[in-house]
Structure formats: C-alpha cells, structure tokens
N, C-alpha and C. Protein backbone atom coordinates (compact mmCIF):
# COMPACT_ATOMS: atom_id res chain seq x y z
N UNK A 1 87.21 114.34 89.79
CA UNK A 1 85.98 115.04 90.10
C UNK A 1 86.02 115.42 91.58
N UNK A 2 85.49 116.60 91.89
CA UNK A 2 85.41 117.08 93.27
C UNK A 2 84.04 116.67 93.83
N UNK A 3 84.08 115.92 94.93
CA UNK A 3 82.84 115.33 95.47
C UNK A 3 82.65 115.73 96.92
N UNK A 4 81.48 116.29 97.20
CA UNK A 4 81.08 116.66 98.55
C UNK A 4 80.40 115.45 99.18
N UNK A 5 80.84 115.08 100.38
CA UNK A 5 80.24 113.95 101.09
C UNK A 5 79.45 114.50 102.26
N UNK A 6 78.13 114.30 102.22
CA UNK A 6 77.23 114.75 103.27
C UNK A 6 76.83 113.53 104.08
N UNK A 7 77.55 113.30 105.15
CA UNK A 7 77.43 112.07 105.92
C UNK A 7 77.70 112.39 107.39
N UNK A 8 76.92 111.82 108.29
CA UNK A 8 77.17 112.06 109.71
C UNK A 8 77.72 110.84 110.45
N UNK A 9 77.96 109.77 109.74
CA UNK A 9 78.53 108.57 110.33
C UNK A 9 80.03 108.57 110.05
N UNK A 10 80.84 108.76 111.07
CA UNK A 10 82.29 108.91 110.90
C UNK A 10 82.91 107.69 110.24
N UNK A 11 82.56 106.49 110.68
CA UNK A 11 83.13 105.27 110.10
C UNK A 11 82.77 105.17 108.61
N UNK A 12 81.54 105.44 108.30
CA UNK A 12 81.08 105.35 106.92
C UNK A 12 81.76 106.40 106.06
N UNK A 13 81.86 107.64 106.58
CA UNK A 13 82.45 108.71 105.78
C UNK A 13 83.91 108.42 105.46
N UNK A 14 84.65 107.85 106.39
CA UNK A 14 86.05 107.50 106.13
C UNK A 14 86.13 106.45 105.03
N UNK A 15 85.26 105.48 105.08
CA UNK A 15 85.26 104.41 104.07
C UNK A 15 84.97 104.97 102.67
N UNK A 16 83.97 105.83 102.58
CA UNK A 16 83.61 106.39 101.28
C UNK A 16 84.70 107.34 100.79
N UNK A 17 85.23 108.18 101.69
CA UNK A 17 86.32 109.09 101.29
C UNK A 17 87.51 108.31 100.77
N UNK A 18 87.88 107.25 101.46
CA UNK A 18 89.01 106.42 101.00
C UNK A 18 88.72 105.83 99.62
N UNK A 19 87.49 105.41 99.38
CA UNK A 19 87.12 104.88 98.09
C UNK A 19 87.19 105.94 97.00
N UNK A 20 86.74 107.14 97.32
CA UNK A 20 86.79 108.23 96.35
C UNK A 20 88.23 108.56 95.96
N UNK A 21 89.10 108.66 96.98
CA UNK A 21 90.51 108.97 96.72
C UNK A 21 91.15 107.86 95.89
N UNK A 22 90.85 106.60 96.22
CA UNK A 22 91.41 105.47 95.49
C UNK A 22 91.00 105.50 94.01
N UNK A 23 89.84 106.07 93.73
CA UNK A 23 89.36 106.16 92.35
C UNK A 23 89.82 107.44 91.65
N UNK A 24 90.61 108.26 92.37
CA UNK A 24 91.17 109.47 91.77
C UNK A 24 90.32 110.71 91.92
N UNK A 25 89.32 110.67 92.80
CA UNK A 25 88.45 111.82 93.02
C UNK A 25 88.93 112.60 94.24
N UNK A 26 88.47 113.85 94.34
CA UNK A 26 88.87 114.71 95.44
C UNK A 26 87.67 115.03 96.33
N UNK A 27 87.66 114.51 97.56
CA UNK A 27 86.60 114.90 98.49
C UNK A 27 86.78 116.38 98.88
N UNK A 28 85.69 117.13 98.87
CA UNK A 28 85.74 118.54 99.25
C UNK A 28 84.73 118.79 100.36
N UNK A 29 84.95 119.89 101.08
CA UNK A 29 84.06 120.23 102.19
C UNK A 29 83.11 121.38 101.86
N UNK A 30 83.38 122.07 100.78
CA UNK A 30 82.59 123.24 100.41
C UNK A 30 81.72 122.90 99.20
N UNK A 31 80.41 123.07 99.35
CA UNK A 31 79.51 122.72 98.26
C UNK A 31 79.74 123.57 97.02
N UNK A 32 80.31 124.76 97.19
CA UNK A 32 80.59 125.63 96.04
C UNK A 32 81.67 125.02 95.13
N UNK A 33 82.50 124.15 95.67
CA UNK A 33 83.56 123.50 94.89
C UNK A 33 83.11 122.18 94.26
N UNK A 34 81.98 121.66 94.70
CA UNK A 34 81.57 120.30 94.35
C UNK A 34 81.03 120.17 92.93
N UNK A 35 81.51 119.11 92.26
CA UNK A 35 80.96 118.71 90.96
C UNK A 35 79.80 117.74 91.17
N UNK A 36 79.78 117.11 92.33
CA UNK A 36 78.81 116.07 92.66
C UNK A 36 78.74 115.98 94.18
N UNK A 37 77.60 115.55 94.71
CA UNK A 37 77.47 115.34 96.15
C UNK A 37 76.92 113.94 96.41
N UNK A 38 77.43 113.33 97.46
CA UNK A 38 76.91 112.05 97.95
C UNK A 38 76.26 112.35 99.30
N UNK A 39 74.98 112.05 99.42
CA UNK A 39 74.20 112.42 100.60
C UNK A 39 73.59 111.19 101.25
N UNK A 40 73.78 111.07 102.55
CA UNK A 40 73.13 110.01 103.32
C UNK A 40 71.71 110.44 103.65
N UNK A 41 70.72 109.67 103.20
CA UNK A 41 69.34 109.99 103.53
C UNK A 41 68.97 109.56 104.94
N UNK A 42 69.86 108.83 105.60
CA UNK A 42 69.63 108.37 106.97
C UNK A 42 70.26 109.30 108.00
N UNK A 43 70.88 110.37 107.56
CA UNK A 43 71.58 111.28 108.47
C UNK A 43 70.64 111.86 109.51
N UNK A 44 71.17 112.02 110.70
CA UNK A 44 70.38 112.62 111.78
C UNK A 44 70.97 113.96 112.24
N UNK A 45 72.22 114.21 111.91
CA UNK A 45 72.89 115.44 112.34
C UNK A 45 72.49 116.64 111.47
N UNK A 46 71.87 116.37 110.33
CA UNK A 46 71.39 117.41 109.43
C UNK A 46 70.19 116.85 108.68
N UNK A 47 69.43 117.73 108.06
CA UNK A 47 68.26 117.30 107.29
C UNK A 47 68.72 116.96 105.87
N UNK A 48 68.77 115.67 105.53
CA UNK A 48 69.29 115.31 104.22
C UNK A 48 68.42 115.83 103.07
N UNK A 49 67.14 115.96 103.27
CA UNK A 49 66.25 116.40 102.20
C UNK A 49 66.40 117.90 101.96
N UNK A 50 66.63 118.65 103.02
CA UNK A 50 66.93 120.08 102.88
C UNK A 50 68.28 120.25 102.17
N UNK A 51 69.23 119.40 102.53
CA UNK A 51 70.55 119.43 101.89
C UNK A 51 70.44 119.15 100.40
N UNK A 52 69.68 118.12 100.04
CA UNK A 52 69.48 117.79 98.62
C UNK A 52 68.85 118.98 97.89
N UNK A 53 67.84 119.60 98.49
CA UNK A 53 67.17 120.74 97.86
C UNK A 53 68.16 121.88 97.60
N UNK A 54 69.00 122.18 98.58
CA UNK A 54 69.98 123.26 98.42
C UNK A 54 70.99 122.92 97.33
N UNK A 55 71.44 121.67 97.31
CA UNK A 55 72.39 121.25 96.28
C UNK A 55 71.76 121.32 94.90
N UNK A 56 70.52 120.90 94.78
CA UNK A 56 69.83 120.93 93.49
C UNK A 56 69.66 122.37 93.01
N UNK A 57 69.38 123.30 93.94
CA UNK A 57 69.26 124.72 93.59
C UNK A 57 70.56 125.24 92.99
N UNK A 58 71.68 124.73 93.47
CA UNK A 58 73.00 125.15 92.98
C UNK A 58 73.41 124.37 91.74
N UNK A 59 72.60 123.40 91.33
CA UNK A 59 72.91 122.62 90.14
C UNK A 59 73.90 121.49 90.38
N UNK A 60 74.06 121.09 91.65
CA UNK A 60 74.99 120.01 91.99
C UNK A 60 74.24 118.68 91.92
N UNK A 61 74.67 117.77 91.05
CA UNK A 61 74.03 116.45 91.01
C UNK A 61 74.22 115.72 92.34
N UNK A 62 73.24 114.92 92.71
CA UNK A 62 73.31 114.21 93.99
C UNK A 62 73.10 112.72 93.81
N UNK A 63 73.97 111.97 94.47
CA UNK A 63 73.79 110.54 94.62
C UNK A 63 73.46 110.35 96.09
N UNK A 64 72.29 109.80 96.36
CA UNK A 64 71.85 109.61 97.73
C UNK A 64 71.89 108.12 98.07
N UNK A 65 72.23 107.83 99.32
CA UNK A 65 72.27 106.43 99.73
C UNK A 65 71.47 106.22 100.99
N UNK A 66 70.97 104.99 101.11
CA UNK A 66 70.07 104.63 102.21
C UNK A 66 70.13 103.12 102.39
N UNK A 67 69.77 102.66 103.57
CA UNK A 67 69.71 101.22 103.81
C UNK A 67 68.71 100.56 102.86
N UNK A 68 69.04 99.36 102.40
CA UNK A 68 68.20 98.71 101.39
C UNK A 68 66.79 98.40 101.89
N UNK A 69 66.58 98.37 103.19
CA UNK A 69 65.25 98.09 103.72
C UNK A 69 64.47 99.37 104.06
N UNK A 70 65.11 100.51 103.92
CA UNK A 70 64.47 101.79 104.25
C UNK A 70 63.70 102.32 103.04
N UNK A 71 62.65 101.61 102.68
CA UNK A 71 61.91 101.90 101.46
C UNK A 71 61.27 103.29 101.45
N UNK A 72 60.82 103.73 102.62
CA UNK A 72 60.21 105.07 102.69
C UNK A 72 61.25 106.15 102.38
N UNK A 73 62.44 106.02 102.96
CA UNK A 73 63.49 107.00 102.70
C UNK A 73 63.93 106.94 101.24
N UNK A 74 63.98 105.74 100.69
CA UNK A 74 64.37 105.57 99.28
C UNK A 74 63.40 106.36 98.39
N UNK A 75 62.11 106.15 98.63
CA UNK A 75 61.09 106.82 97.84
C UNK A 75 61.13 108.34 98.04
N UNK A 76 61.32 108.77 99.29
CA UNK A 76 61.42 110.21 99.57
C UNK A 76 62.62 110.82 98.85
N UNK A 77 63.72 110.06 98.77
CA UNK A 77 64.89 110.54 98.05
C UNK A 77 64.61 110.75 96.58
N UNK A 78 63.92 109.80 95.98
CA UNK A 78 63.54 109.93 94.57
C UNK A 78 62.62 111.13 94.37
N UNK A 79 61.66 111.29 95.28
CA UNK A 79 60.72 112.41 95.19
C UNK A 79 61.41 113.74 95.44
N UNK A 80 62.49 113.74 96.24
CA UNK A 80 63.22 114.97 96.54
C UNK A 80 64.12 115.41 95.40
N UNK A 81 64.26 114.55 94.39
CA UNK A 81 65.05 114.93 93.24
C UNK A 81 66.48 114.42 93.21
N UNK A 82 66.80 113.46 94.08
CA UNK A 82 68.13 112.85 94.01
C UNK A 82 68.33 112.31 92.60
N UNK A 83 69.48 112.55 92.02
CA UNK A 83 69.74 112.07 90.67
C UNK A 83 69.84 110.55 90.63
N UNK A 84 70.31 109.99 91.74
CA UNK A 84 70.41 108.54 91.85
C UNK A 84 70.27 108.19 93.33
N UNK A 85 69.48 107.19 93.64
CA UNK A 85 69.37 106.66 95.00
C UNK A 85 69.87 105.22 94.95
N UNK A 86 70.83 104.92 95.82
CA UNK A 86 71.43 103.59 95.87
C UNK A 86 71.44 103.09 97.30
N UNK A 87 71.58 101.81 97.45
CA UNK A 87 71.70 101.23 98.79
C UNK A 87 73.08 101.54 99.35
N UNK A 88 73.18 101.52 100.67
CA UNK A 88 74.48 101.71 101.32
C UNK A 88 75.49 100.69 100.79
N UNK A 89 75.05 99.46 100.65
CA UNK A 89 75.93 98.41 100.17
C UNK A 89 76.44 98.66 98.76
N UNK A 90 75.57 99.16 97.90
CA UNK A 90 75.99 99.47 96.53
C UNK A 90 77.03 100.59 96.54
N UNK A 91 76.80 101.60 97.37
CA UNK A 91 77.76 102.70 97.45
C UNK A 91 79.11 102.20 97.95
N UNK A 92 79.09 101.35 98.94
CA UNK A 92 80.34 100.86 99.53
C UNK A 92 81.05 99.87 98.62
N UNK A 93 80.32 99.00 97.98
CA UNK A 93 80.93 97.91 97.24
C UNK A 93 81.03 98.13 95.73
N UNK A 94 80.29 99.11 95.23
CA UNK A 94 80.29 99.36 93.78
C UNK A 94 80.40 100.85 93.50
N UNK A 95 81.24 101.52 94.28
CA UNK A 95 81.38 102.97 94.20
C UNK A 95 81.71 103.44 92.79
N UNK A 96 82.62 102.76 92.14
CA UNK A 96 83.02 103.18 90.80
C UNK A 96 81.83 103.14 89.84
N UNK A 97 81.02 102.09 89.90
CA UNK A 97 79.84 101.97 89.04
C UNK A 97 78.80 103.04 89.37
N UNK A 98 78.63 103.30 90.66
CA UNK A 98 77.66 104.32 91.08
C UNK A 98 78.09 105.68 90.53
N UNK A 99 79.37 106.01 90.68
CA UNK A 99 79.86 107.29 90.20
C UNK A 99 79.79 107.41 88.68
N UNK A 100 79.91 106.30 88.00
CA UNK A 100 79.83 106.31 86.54
C UNK A 100 78.39 106.49 86.07
N UNK A 101 77.45 106.48 87.01
CA UNK A 101 76.06 106.66 86.65
C UNK A 101 75.39 105.41 86.15
N UNK A 102 76.05 104.29 86.32
CA UNK A 102 75.47 103.03 85.89
C UNK A 102 74.29 102.69 86.80
N UNK A 103 73.29 102.05 86.26
CA UNK A 103 72.19 101.66 87.13
C UNK A 103 72.66 100.64 88.15
N UNK A 104 72.52 100.99 89.40
CA UNK A 104 72.89 100.08 90.48
C UNK A 104 71.62 99.88 91.29
N UNK A 105 70.93 98.82 90.99
CA UNK A 105 69.63 98.58 91.59
C UNK A 105 69.74 97.52 92.67
N UNK A 106 69.21 97.83 93.80
CA UNK A 106 69.19 96.91 94.91
C UNK A 106 68.00 95.96 94.73
N UNK A 107 68.15 94.67 95.03
CA UNK A 107 67.03 93.75 94.83
C UNK A 107 65.78 94.12 95.60
N UNK A 108 65.92 94.85 96.69
CA UNK A 108 64.73 95.22 97.47
C UNK A 108 64.30 96.65 97.22
N UNK A 109 64.84 97.27 96.15
CA UNK A 109 64.43 98.63 95.80
C UNK A 109 62.93 98.63 95.55
N UNK A 110 62.22 99.65 96.05
CA UNK A 110 60.78 99.69 95.81
C UNK A 110 60.45 99.69 94.33
N UNK A 111 59.46 98.94 93.97
CA UNK A 111 59.03 98.87 92.57
C UNK A 111 58.17 100.09 92.24
N UNK A 112 58.15 100.48 90.99
CA UNK A 112 57.26 101.56 90.57
C UNK A 112 55.82 101.13 90.82
N UNK A 113 55.02 102.07 91.24
CA UNK A 113 53.64 101.74 91.58
C UNK A 113 52.68 101.98 90.42
N UNK A 114 53.21 102.13 89.23
CA UNK A 114 52.35 102.39 88.09
C UNK A 114 51.70 101.12 87.61
C-alpha cells in the first residue's frame, strides 16, 4: 500500500517510515499517489485539520495520531472525519494492527458523551 505520512517531527517520521517499509508498504510524498494517509494532529508546521479535509475530499482514508493525553485534539480529529484516531504509542508500537484497521483503543481515549 502507498502511504502518505503527514508529520513534522523528523525523529517520529523516520520511525514510522521505517515501520511502514518493514511491513512492506511504500511511503509516498504525493497525496495523489496515496492509498492512505497518516496525519499527526499535533503538527505545528502545517494545519493537520486542513490536511485531513483535503485528503478526505480526494477520498484518501486517514489514520490520525495524537498524544494519549491530548483529549481535545483526539476529539477534534474524530469530528474532522479521521477514519481512525490512535495514540502516538499505538501507532509506534502496533503499526501493523493500526494499518489493518483493527480497533486500537488507548486506555485514556475520551469516552463517548452519550
């Protein structure tokens, strides 16, 4: 699968790219080539929510990641239409499960308010 990584943390992006390659996926730089995108909701070098909106317009599924304590960003990601929001730790340590679309729930994930 061709995966676009939208990340502004160099150390983190190298780790995720290495994980993607190890699992047989191809990191790409052009969203037009992407089958899927992984977006950091904590990014400061770009607006992650604008990025998610543009990707969704193009029909690119998005997996968004955020710190497990950043509950506001987590909720905003869900509201922005991220197909899956996971903790940074889940993305780093359970990348294969995340990509498979398995539910990867962080213990501190905000509960539904219903």
